N, C-alpha and C. Protein backbone atom coordinates (compact mmCIF):
# COMPACT_ATOMS: atom_id res chain seq x y z
N MET A 1 0.70 -1.53 -0.35
CA MET A 1 0.09 -0.13 0.33
C MET A 1 1.04 1.40 0.09
N PRO A 2 0.30 2.08 -0.76
CA PRO A 2 1.31 3.34 -1.32
C PRO A 2 1.06 4.05 0.20
N ASN A 3 2.19 4.68 0.85
CA ASN A 3 2.42 5.81 1.98
C ASN A 3 1.27 6.83 2.22
N ARG A 4 1.27 7.51 1.33
CA ARG A 4 -0.02 7.67 0.95
C ARG A 4 -1.68 7.54 1.47
N LEU A 5 -1.90 6.61 0.58
CA LEU A 5 -3.15 6.02 1.08
C LEU A 5 -3.09 4.81 2.76
N ARG A 6 -2.50 4.69 2.80
CA ARG A 6 -1.47 4.01 3.66
C ARG A 6 -2.57 5.18 5.34
N SER A 7 -1.07 6.46 4.78
CA SER A 7 -1.80 7.11 5.63
C SER A 7 -3.59 7.59 5.74
N LEU A 8 -3.82 7.90 5.09
CA LEU A 8 -5.38 7.82 4.25
C LEU A 8 -6.40 6.99 5.28
N ALA A 9 -6.23 5.17 5.59
CA ALA A 9 -6.14 4.37 5.92
C ALA A 9 -6.31 4.35 7.58
N LEU A 10 -5.57 4.80 8.22
CA LEU A 10 -5.13 5.79 9.41
C LEU A 10 -5.67 6.31 9.94
N VAL A 11 -5.75 7.31 9.56
CA VAL A 11 -6.18 8.57 9.91
C VAL A 11 -8.24 8.25 9.77
N LEU A 12 -8.67 7.36 8.95
CA LEU A 12 -9.70 7.11 8.84
C LEU A 12 -10.29 6.14 9.82
N LEU A 13 -9.28 5.56 10.57
CA LEU A 13 -9.29 4.34 11.38
C LEU A 13 -9.53 4.80 12.60
N PHE A 14 -8.48 5.89 12.94
CA PHE A 14 -8.64 7.25 14.31
C PHE A 14 -9.50 7.44 13.87
N VAL A 15 -10.26 8.06 13.23
CA VAL A 15 -11.46 9.38 13.83
C VAL A 15 -12.90 8.12 13.84
N VAL A 16 -12.65 6.74 13.31
CA VAL A 16 -14.29 6.13 13.34
C VAL A 16 -13.46 4.99 14.71
N SER A 17 -12.84 5.18 15.07
CA SER A 17 -12.38 4.70 16.63
C SER A 17 -12.81 5.31 17.80
N SER A 18 -12.34 6.72 17.07
CA SER A 18 -12.34 7.75 18.84
C SER A 18 -13.16 7.69 18.74
N PRO A 19 -13.63 8.11 20.44
CA PRO A 19 -14.48 8.24 21.00
C PRO A 19 -16.28 8.68 21.07
N ILE A 20 -15.31 10.29 20.03
CA ILE A 20 -16.68 11.19 19.55
C ILE A 20 -17.46 10.07 18.39
N ALA A 21 -17.04 9.49 17.77
CA ALA A 21 -17.61 9.26 16.84
C ALA A 21 -17.86 7.47 17.29
N GLU A 22 -17.63 6.95 18.08
CA GLU A 22 -18.97 5.82 18.76
C GLU A 22 -19.33 6.49 19.30
N ALA A 23 -19.54 7.41 20.28
CA ALA A 23 -20.98 7.81 21.10
C ALA A 23 -21.86 8.71 20.32
N ALA A 24 -21.48 7.98 18.88
CA ALA A 24 -22.44 9.45 17.97
C ALA A 24 -23.18 8.39 18.17
N GLY A 25 -24.26 7.22 17.43
CA GLY A 25 -24.89 6.14 17.27
C GLY A 25 -25.51 6.29 18.22
N SER A 26 -25.42 6.15 20.05
CA SER A 26 -26.10 6.40 21.01
C SER A 26 -26.22 7.44 21.51
N PHE A 27 -26.01 8.93 21.33
CA PHE A 27 -25.74 9.74 22.59
C PHE A 27 -27.12 11.16 21.13
N LYS A 28 -28.25 11.58 21.97
CA LYS A 28 -29.46 11.75 21.42
C LYS A 28 -29.68 12.76 22.06
N LEU A 29 -30.01 13.75 21.17
CA LEU A 29 -30.95 15.02 22.26
C LEU A 29 -32.25 15.36 21.33
N MET A 30 -32.97 15.90 22.09
CA MET A 30 -34.45 16.03 22.44
C MET A 30 -35.15 16.99 22.29
N SER A 31 -35.72 17.98 22.51
CA SER A 31 -36.36 18.80 21.90
C SER A 31 -38.18 18.61 22.09
N SER A 32 -38.23 19.44 23.41
CA SER A 32 -40.07 19.77 22.99
C SER A 32 -40.38 21.04 22.04
N ASP A 33 -39.45 21.84 22.25
CA ASP A 33 -39.32 23.37 21.52
C ASP A 33 -39.01 23.58 20.25
N VAL A 34 -37.78 22.98 19.49
CA VAL A 34 -37.86 23.20 18.16
C VAL A 34 -37.60 21.47 17.75
N ALA A 35 -37.56 21.58 16.63
CA ALA A 35 -37.22 20.59 15.79
C ALA A 35 -36.35 20.66 14.86
N ASP A 36 -35.88 19.49 14.88
CA ASP A 36 -34.45 19.16 13.44
C ASP A 36 -35.13 19.54 12.35
N GLY A 37 -34.45 20.60 11.08
CA GLY A 37 -34.03 20.92 10.60
C GLY A 37 -35.72 21.16 9.87
N LYS A 38 -36.74 22.07 11.09
CA LYS A 38 -38.06 22.40 11.15
C LYS A 38 -37.60 24.41 11.80
N MET A 39 -38.24 25.13 11.45
CA MET A 39 -38.16 27.02 11.58
C MET A 39 -39.11 26.59 13.59
N MET A 40 -37.67 27.48 13.88
CA MET A 40 -37.88 28.03 15.39
C MET A 40 -39.31 29.01 14.97
N SER A 41 -40.15 28.73 17.00
CA SER A 41 -41.76 29.17 17.29
C SER A 41 -41.55 30.67 17.36
N MET A 42 -41.72 31.37 17.43
CA MET A 42 -41.63 32.94 17.89
C MET A 42 -40.99 33.48 19.05
N ASP A 43 -41.39 31.67 19.97
CA ASP A 43 -41.04 31.46 22.09
C ASP A 43 -39.36 32.07 21.73
N GLN A 44 -38.54 31.28 21.04
CA GLN A 44 -36.96 30.74 20.46
C GLN A 44 -36.46 32.04 19.34
N VAL A 45 -37.47 33.40 18.66
CA VAL A 45 -36.61 34.76 19.12
C VAL A 45 -36.11 35.49 19.99
N ALA A 46 -35.51 36.02 19.26
CA ALA A 46 -35.00 37.69 19.98
C ALA A 46 -35.85 38.57 20.57
N ASN A 47 -36.19 39.49 21.21
CA ASN A 47 -36.95 40.61 21.49
C ASN A 47 -35.31 41.98 21.15
N THR A 48 -35.36 41.56 20.18
CA THR A 48 -34.16 42.59 20.10
C THR A 48 -33.51 42.85 18.42
N PHE A 49 -32.93 43.88 17.64
CA PHE A 49 -32.60 43.91 16.24
C PHE A 49 -33.86 43.96 15.42
N GLY A 50 -35.01 44.70 16.09
CA GLY A 50 -36.15 44.32 14.84
C GLY A 50 -37.29 43.13 15.44
N CYS A 51 -36.71 42.51 16.19
CA CYS A 51 -37.32 41.06 16.14
C CYS A 51 -38.21 41.72 17.50
N THR A 52 -38.55 40.45 17.40
CA THR A 52 -40.11 40.62 19.28
C THR A 52 -40.54 39.26 19.17
N GLY A 53 -39.65 38.47 19.24
CA GLY A 53 -39.79 36.58 19.99
C GLY A 53 -39.74 37.25 21.47
N GLY A 54 -40.60 36.40 22.48
CA GLY A 54 -40.40 35.24 23.31
C GLY A 54 -39.04 35.76 23.77
N ASN A 55 -37.83 35.00 22.74
CA ASN A 55 -36.08 35.30 24.23
C ASN A 55 -36.23 34.21 24.82
N VAL A 56 -36.87 33.03 24.31
CA VAL A 56 -37.35 31.92 26.04
C VAL A 56 -35.95 30.16 24.74
N SER A 57 -35.07 30.57 25.97
CA SER A 57 -34.79 28.88 25.75
C SER A 57 -34.97 27.81 25.46
N PRO A 58 -35.00 27.07 25.24
CA PRO A 58 -35.69 25.98 24.22
C PRO A 58 -35.82 24.62 25.26
N GLU A 59 -36.17 24.26 25.44
CA GLU A 59 -36.59 22.90 26.26
C GLU A 59 -35.56 21.39 25.61
N LEU A 60 -34.34 21.04 26.23
CA LEU A 60 -33.54 20.69 25.21
C LEU A 60 -33.10 19.27 26.54
N SER A 61 -33.56 17.84 25.98
CA SER A 61 -33.04 16.40 27.01
C SER A 61 -32.29 15.73 25.79
N TRP A 62 -31.86 15.38 26.67
CA TRP A 62 -30.14 13.97 25.92
C TRP A 62 -30.03 13.05 26.13
N SER A 63 -29.71 11.80 26.04
CA SER A 63 -30.20 10.69 26.50
C SER A 63 -28.77 9.95 26.30
N GLY A 64 -28.18 8.93 26.40
CA GLY A 64 -26.53 8.47 25.47
C GLY A 64 -25.57 8.70 25.83
N ALA A 65 -25.47 9.05 26.37
CA ALA A 65 -24.19 9.91 26.94
C ALA A 65 -22.92 9.02 26.93
N PRO A 66 -21.60 9.05 26.70
CA PRO A 66 -20.88 8.45 26.36
C PRO A 66 -19.94 7.74 28.10
N ALA A 67 -19.27 6.01 27.76
CA ALA A 67 -19.19 6.50 29.68
C ALA A 67 -17.86 6.89 29.80
N GLY A 68 -17.80 7.73 30.79
CA GLY A 68 -16.59 8.12 31.24
C GLY A 68 -16.79 9.69 31.33
N THR A 69 -18.65 9.95 31.70
CA THR A 69 -18.89 11.62 31.18
C THR A 69 -18.73 12.04 32.31
N LYS A 70 -18.04 13.00 32.43
CA LYS A 70 -18.75 14.17 33.92
C LYS A 70 -18.82 15.12 34.44
N SER A 71 -19.84 15.50 33.19
CA SER A 71 -20.09 17.14 32.73
C SER A 71 -20.46 17.44 31.47
N PHE A 72 -21.17 18.51 31.09
CA PHE A 72 -22.47 18.46 29.68
C PHE A 72 -21.90 19.88 29.21
N VAL A 73 -21.73 20.31 28.12
CA VAL A 73 -21.99 21.73 27.84
C VAL A 73 -23.16 21.78 27.18
N VAL A 74 -23.99 22.57 26.57
CA VAL A 74 -24.23 23.53 26.25
C VAL A 74 -24.57 24.65 25.50
N THR A 75 -24.30 24.45 24.32
CA THR A 75 -24.56 25.58 22.95
C THR A 75 -25.54 25.51 21.80
N ALA A 76 -25.90 27.33 21.59
CA ALA A 76 -26.56 27.58 20.52
C ALA A 76 -25.85 28.62 19.89
N TYR A 77 -25.41 27.30 18.32
CA TYR A 77 -24.79 29.10 17.26
C TYR A 77 -25.78 28.43 16.20
N ASP A 78 -25.24 30.00 15.29
CA ASP A 78 -25.85 30.14 14.15
C ASP A 78 -24.90 30.59 12.75
N PRO A 79 -23.69 29.57 12.48
CA PRO A 79 -23.04 29.32 11.97
C PRO A 79 -23.50 29.91 10.36
N ASP A 80 -24.10 30.41 10.00
CA ASP A 80 -24.51 31.44 9.37
C ASP A 80 -24.73 33.14 9.01
N ALA A 81 -24.46 33.32 10.27
CA ALA A 81 -24.48 34.99 10.91
C ALA A 81 -23.95 35.33 9.85
N PRO A 82 -23.92 37.01 9.12
CA PRO A 82 -22.54 37.48 7.99
C PRO A 82 -21.66 38.41 8.96
N THR A 83 -21.12 37.91 10.14
CA THR A 83 -20.22 38.23 10.70
C THR A 83 -18.96 37.70 10.50
N GLY A 84 -18.79 36.55 9.84
CA GLY A 84 -17.56 35.82 10.00
C GLY A 84 -16.99 35.26 10.07
N SER A 85 -17.76 35.00 11.30
CA SER A 85 -17.26 33.81 13.13
C SER A 85 -18.58 33.37 13.39
N GLY A 86 -20.27 33.24 12.60
CA GLY A 86 -20.93 32.96 12.60
C GLY A 86 -20.90 33.89 14.24
N PHE A 87 -22.39 33.23 15.09
CA PHE A 87 -23.15 33.52 16.06
C PHE A 87 -23.40 32.68 17.63
N TRP A 88 -23.12 33.26 18.70
CA TRP A 88 -23.19 31.96 19.61
C TRP A 88 -24.72 32.89 20.47
N HIS A 89 -25.40 32.14 20.03
CA HIS A 89 -27.07 32.24 21.27
C HIS A 89 -27.11 31.78 21.89
N TRP A 90 -25.97 30.83 22.84
CA TRP A 90 -26.16 30.35 24.17
C TRP A 90 -24.42 29.52 24.88
N VAL A 91 -24.35 29.39 25.28
CA VAL A 91 -23.54 29.37 25.86
C VAL A 91 -23.71 28.76 27.83
N VAL A 92 -23.65 27.36 27.90
CA VAL A 92 -24.04 26.56 28.83
C VAL A 92 -22.64 25.81 29.48
N PHE A 93 -22.09 25.87 30.81
CA PHE A 93 -21.56 24.67 31.14
C PHE A 93 -21.32 24.15 31.93
N ASN A 94 -20.17 23.76 33.12
CA ASN A 94 -20.63 22.46 34.19
C ASN A 94 -21.80 22.04 34.72
N ILE A 95 -22.39 21.98 33.35
CA ILE A 95 -23.63 21.13 33.80
C ILE A 95 -22.98 19.46 34.32
N PRO A 96 -23.85 19.01 35.48
CA PRO A 96 -22.93 18.01 36.34
C PRO A 96 -23.73 16.61 35.19
N ALA A 97 -22.75 15.39 35.17
CA ALA A 97 -23.29 14.56 34.28
C ALA A 97 -24.51 14.18 35.31
N SER A 98 -24.67 13.91 36.20
CA SER A 98 -26.22 13.85 36.91
C SER A 98 -27.68 14.28 35.63
N VAL A 99 -27.72 15.37 34.77
CA VAL A 99 -28.24 16.04 34.51
C VAL A 99 -28.55 15.60 33.19
N THR A 100 -29.38 16.05 32.38
CA THR A 100 -29.94 15.67 31.44
C THR A 100 -31.18 16.15 30.53
N LYS A 101 -31.24 16.91 31.26
CA LYS A 101 -32.52 18.09 30.94
C LYS A 101 -31.82 19.57 30.94
N LEU A 102 -32.84 20.46 30.26
CA LEU A 102 -32.72 21.76 31.14
C LEU A 102 -33.83 21.78 30.31
N ASP A 103 -35.42 22.70 31.48
CA ASP A 103 -35.98 23.45 31.19
C ASP A 103 -36.10 24.77 29.93
N GLY A 104 -37.35 24.49 28.92
CA GLY A 104 -37.66 26.10 28.41
C GLY A 104 -37.79 27.47 29.29
N GLY A 105 -36.88 28.38 28.87
CA GLY A 105 -37.11 29.71 29.73
C GLY A 105 -36.11 29.47 31.03
N VAL A 106 -35.91 28.72 30.74
CA VAL A 106 -34.15 28.63 31.91
C VAL A 106 -33.35 30.11 32.99
N LYS A 107 -33.75 30.23 34.12
CA LYS A 107 -33.18 30.85 34.73
C LYS A 107 -32.02 30.68 34.71
N PRO A 108 -30.84 31.22 35.21
CA PRO A 108 -29.82 31.53 35.94
C PRO A 108 -29.56 30.65 37.31
N ASP A 109 -30.94 31.48 37.87
CA ASP A 109 -30.54 30.99 39.31
C ASP A 109 -31.46 29.43 39.52
N ALA A 110 -32.55 29.24 38.24
CA ALA A 110 -32.57 27.16 37.95
C ALA A 110 -31.97 26.56 37.37
N LEU A 111 -30.75 27.05 37.35
CA LEU A 111 -29.94 25.87 36.93
C LEU A 111 -28.92 25.11 38.22
N PRO A 112 -28.50 24.19 37.26
CA PRO A 112 -27.92 23.48 39.34
C PRO A 112 -27.14 23.72 39.32
N THR A 113 -26.56 23.41 40.60
CA THR A 113 -25.72 23.82 41.65
C THR A 113 -23.60 24.02 40.09
N GLY A 114 -23.73 24.78 40.46
CA GLY A 114 -22.59 24.87 39.76
C GLY A 114 -22.39 25.08 37.93
N THR A 115 -23.62 25.40 37.23
CA THR A 115 -23.77 25.39 36.02
C THR A 115 -23.45 26.92 36.04
N VAL A 116 -23.03 27.15 35.38
CA VAL A 116 -22.70 28.40 34.30
C VAL A 116 -23.40 28.86 32.74
N GLN A 117 -23.75 30.28 32.58
CA GLN A 117 -24.19 30.64 31.46
C GLN A 117 -23.32 31.72 31.31
N ALA A 118 -22.61 31.77 30.21
CA ALA A 118 -22.22 32.61 29.56
C ALA A 118 -22.01 33.51 28.87
N ARG A 119 -21.45 34.42 28.15
CA ARG A 119 -22.22 35.69 27.92
C ARG A 119 -22.65 35.35 26.19
N SER A 120 -23.31 35.76 26.17
CA SER A 120 -23.54 34.94 24.48
C SER A 120 -23.23 36.78 23.54
N ASP A 121 -23.49 35.79 22.09
CA ASP A 121 -23.07 37.12 21.35
C ASP A 121 -23.63 38.43 21.07
N TYR A 122 -24.80 38.38 21.77
CA TYR A 122 -25.12 39.78 22.28
C TYR A 122 -24.82 40.48 23.28
N GLY A 123 -23.96 40.04 24.23
CA GLY A 123 -23.02 40.24 25.31
C GLY A 123 -23.60 40.47 26.06
N SER A 124 -24.44 39.57 26.36
CA SER A 124 -25.87 39.72 27.95
C SER A 124 -25.93 37.69 28.20
N ILE A 125 -25.69 37.67 29.55
CA ILE A 125 -25.46 36.08 30.51
C ILE A 125 -26.95 35.52 29.47
N GLY A 126 -26.68 34.62 29.24
CA GLY A 126 -28.04 33.29 29.20
C GLY A 126 -28.28 32.68 27.84
N PHE A 127 -29.30 33.29 27.05
CA PHE A 127 -29.94 32.71 26.00
C PHE A 127 -30.18 33.84 25.42
N GLY A 128 -29.90 34.23 24.05
CA GLY A 128 -30.27 35.14 22.97
C GLY A 128 -31.00 33.92 21.90
N GLY A 129 -32.52 34.52 21.99
CA GLY A 129 -33.06 33.59 20.80
C GLY A 129 -32.29 34.59 19.58
N ALA A 130 -33.07 33.53 18.25
CA ALA A 130 -32.61 34.13 16.33
C ALA A 130 -33.21 35.77 16.44
N CYS A 131 -32.39 36.35 15.36
CA CYS A 131 -33.13 36.69 15.03
C CYS A 131 -32.57 37.35 13.39
N PRO A 132 -32.29 36.57 12.14
CA PRO A 132 -31.77 36.97 11.41
C PRO A 132 -31.40 38.46 9.99
N PRO A 133 -30.76 38.20 9.76
CA PRO A 133 -31.23 39.62 8.89
C PRO A 133 -32.37 38.98 8.00
N PRO A 134 -33.22 39.84 7.30
CA PRO A 134 -34.22 39.41 6.29
C PRO A 134 -33.38 38.67 5.77
N GLY A 135 -34.30 37.90 4.78
CA GLY A 135 -33.51 36.76 3.93
C GLY A 135 -33.75 35.87 4.06
N LYS A 136 -32.98 34.65 3.12
CA LYS A 136 -32.55 33.64 3.18
C LYS A 136 -32.70 32.98 4.89
N PRO A 137 -32.82 31.55 5.37
CA PRO A 137 -33.39 31.62 7.11
C PRO A 137 -32.26 30.82 7.27
N HIS A 138 -31.87 30.81 8.79
CA HIS A 138 -30.45 30.49 9.35
C HIS A 138 -30.11 28.66 9.92
N ARG A 139 -29.75 28.27 10.32
CA ARG A 139 -29.56 27.27 11.25
C ARG A 139 -29.13 27.97 12.09
N TYR A 140 -30.09 27.17 13.32
CA TYR A 140 -29.33 26.87 15.17
C TYR A 140 -28.69 25.99 15.56
N ILE A 141 -27.16 25.87 15.57
CA ILE A 141 -26.86 24.11 15.88
C ILE A 141 -27.45 23.90 17.87
N PHE A 142 -27.92 23.83 18.25
CA PHE A 142 -27.75 23.40 19.64
C PHE A 142 -27.42 22.29 19.53
N THR A 143 -25.87 22.39 19.80
CA THR A 143 -25.44 20.93 20.29
C THR A 143 -25.16 20.42 21.74
N VAL A 144 -25.05 19.47 22.71
CA VAL A 144 -25.09 18.96 23.87
C VAL A 144 -23.41 18.06 24.26
N PHE A 145 -22.43 18.97 24.84
CA PHE A 145 -20.86 18.19 24.34
C PHE A 145 -21.15 17.30 25.70
N ALA A 146 -20.62 15.84 25.51
CA ALA A 146 -19.87 15.04 26.59
C ALA A 146 -19.12 15.50 27.34
N LEU A 147 -18.29 15.92 28.20
CA LEU A 147 -16.80 16.04 28.38
C LEU A 147 -16.59 15.02 29.27
N LYS A 148 -15.16 14.88 30.24
CA LYS A 148 -14.08 14.44 31.08
C LYS A 148 -13.66 14.20 31.87
N VAL A 149 -14.40 15.70 31.77
CA VAL A 149 -13.42 16.83 33.21
C VAL A 149 -15.16 16.75 33.94
N ASP A 150 -14.39 17.36 35.31
CA ASP A 150 -15.97 17.48 35.95
C ASP A 150 -16.52 19.03 35.96
N LYS A 151 -15.46 19.67 35.18
CA LYS A 151 -15.81 21.17 34.97
C LYS A 151 -14.54 22.08 34.19
N LEU A 152 -14.88 22.94 33.65
CA LEU A 152 -14.29 23.95 32.86
C LEU A 152 -13.67 24.91 33.91
N ASP A 153 -12.34 24.82 34.12
CA ASP A 153 -12.19 26.06 34.47
C ASP A 153 -12.22 27.69 34.19
N LEU A 154 -13.76 27.69 34.20
CA LEU A 154 -13.91 29.12 33.87
C LEU A 154 -15.58 30.01 34.05
N ASP A 155 -14.95 31.34 34.18
CA ASP A 155 -16.02 32.04 34.75
C ASP A 155 -17.40 32.34 33.88
N ALA A 156 -18.27 33.24 34.26
CA ALA A 156 -19.55 33.56 33.26
C ALA A 156 -18.35 34.64 31.79
N SER A 157 -17.61 34.97 32.30
CA SER A 157 -17.22 36.49 31.29
C SER A 157 -16.50 35.26 30.16
N ALA A 158 -16.63 34.22 30.28
CA ALA A 158 -15.15 33.31 28.99
C ALA A 158 -16.42 33.73 27.86
N THR A 159 -15.71 34.06 26.68
CA THR A 159 -15.80 34.39 25.56
C THR A 159 -16.60 33.02 25.57
N PRO A 160 -17.67 32.87 24.45
CA PRO A 160 -17.95 31.84 23.78
C PRO A 160 -16.74 30.71 22.68
N ALA A 161 -15.74 31.25 22.35
CA ALA A 161 -14.31 30.96 21.71
C ALA A 161 -13.42 30.00 22.82
N VAL A 162 -13.46 30.92 23.92
CA VAL A 162 -12.58 30.08 25.16
C VAL A 162 -13.38 28.95 25.19
N VAL A 163 -14.95 29.37 25.48
CA VAL A 163 -15.44 27.76 25.69
C VAL A 163 -15.32 26.47 25.87
N GLY A 164 -15.33 27.39 23.87
CA GLY A 164 -15.75 25.71 22.92
C GLY A 164 -14.02 25.46 22.48
N PHE A 165 -13.58 26.21 23.13
CA PHE A 165 -11.94 25.52 22.93
C PHE A 165 -11.13 24.30 23.87
N MET A 166 -12.22 24.86 24.96
CA MET A 166 -12.01 24.24 26.84
C MET A 166 -12.87 23.06 26.18
N THR A 167 -14.00 22.66 26.01
CA THR A 167 -14.95 21.79 25.44
C THR A 167 -14.78 21.24 24.70
N ASN A 168 -14.19 21.87 23.19
CA ASN A 168 -13.16 20.29 22.92
C ASN A 168 -11.92 19.89 22.82
N ALA A 169 -11.28 19.66 23.98
CA ALA A 169 -9.88 19.72 24.38
C ALA A 169 -10.31 18.62 25.07
N ASN A 170 -12.01 19.24 25.48
CA ASN A 170 -12.23 17.68 26.60
C ASN A 170 -12.97 17.35 26.49
N ALA A 171 -13.33 17.31 24.61
CA ALA A 171 -15.01 16.40 24.51
C ALA A 171 -14.49 14.44 24.61
N ILE A 172 -15.72 13.84 24.84
CA ILE A 172 -15.50 12.75 24.35
C ILE A 172 -16.99 12.16 23.72
N GLY A 173 -17.84 13.16 23.24
CA GLY A 173 -18.88 12.93 22.28
C GLY A 173 -19.61 13.95 23.13
N LYS A 174 -21.15 14.39 21.28
CA LYS A 174 -21.25 15.57 20.93
C LYS A 174 -22.68 14.90 20.39
N THR A 175 -23.75 15.93 20.23
CA THR A 175 -24.76 15.39 19.30
C THR A 175 -25.59 16.75 19.20
N THR A 176 -26.80 17.20 17.83
CA THR A 176 -26.69 17.58 17.84
C THR A 176 -27.94 17.45 17.26
N LEU A 177 -29.30 18.76 17.35
CA LEU A 177 -29.97 19.13 16.70
C LEU A 177 -29.64 20.34 16.03
N THR A 178 -30.69 20.35 14.57
CA THR A 178 -30.13 21.99 13.91
C THR A 178 -31.86 22.20 13.46
N ALA A 179 -31.86 23.44 14.12
CA ALA A 179 -32.93 24.65 14.04
C ALA A 179 -33.06 25.67 12.43
N LYS A 180 -33.99 25.52 12.07
CA LYS A 180 -34.16 27.02 11.27
C LYS A 180 -35.21 28.10 11.41
N TYR A 181 -34.30 29.69 11.01
CA TYR A 181 -35.34 29.92 11.33
C TYR A 181 -34.97 31.40 10.40
N GLY A 182 -35.71 31.66 9.78
CA GLY A 182 -35.47 32.91 8.49
C GLY A 182 -36.90 34.66 8.62
N ARG A 183 -36.56 35.03 8.30
CA ARG A 183 -38.12 36.58 8.33
C ARG A 183 -38.00 37.33 7.07
């Protein structure tokens, strides 16, 4: 086997046998408020930048986390935002491994002990609803990451990029749900 083909085969074997790839089949994200591939309701739309929605975080629940999960991170991200880097709508981390659900309309004082909500790209702590510019609908990717650490050594002032860096460095699995919204 030529070296290039052997290298490609080894990379493919590593990706297929990695913990994140193994977890993909059993780790599932569900929601009673948003549906994969469907348009979001006005409840999950922002109440700013010309939008008049409820700005309510959706209910999210997950199951089948990989063995060794010690905590979770939940994010909501719009890769279609015209910023050059997307738009982070929600970042919640240090969710204990025993938790498998966030209720809709989550408030900071209703989160499990030790759980942290970071600033969204709106500049405020907590969920910031969808509000794309008029035109083509945007995708809103809700992701739950399973981590191999009890907590990320960060606080609510951490940027979504820093939380993302630390999350990806410690992830052993992830599951996503992608909803849409346009105006």
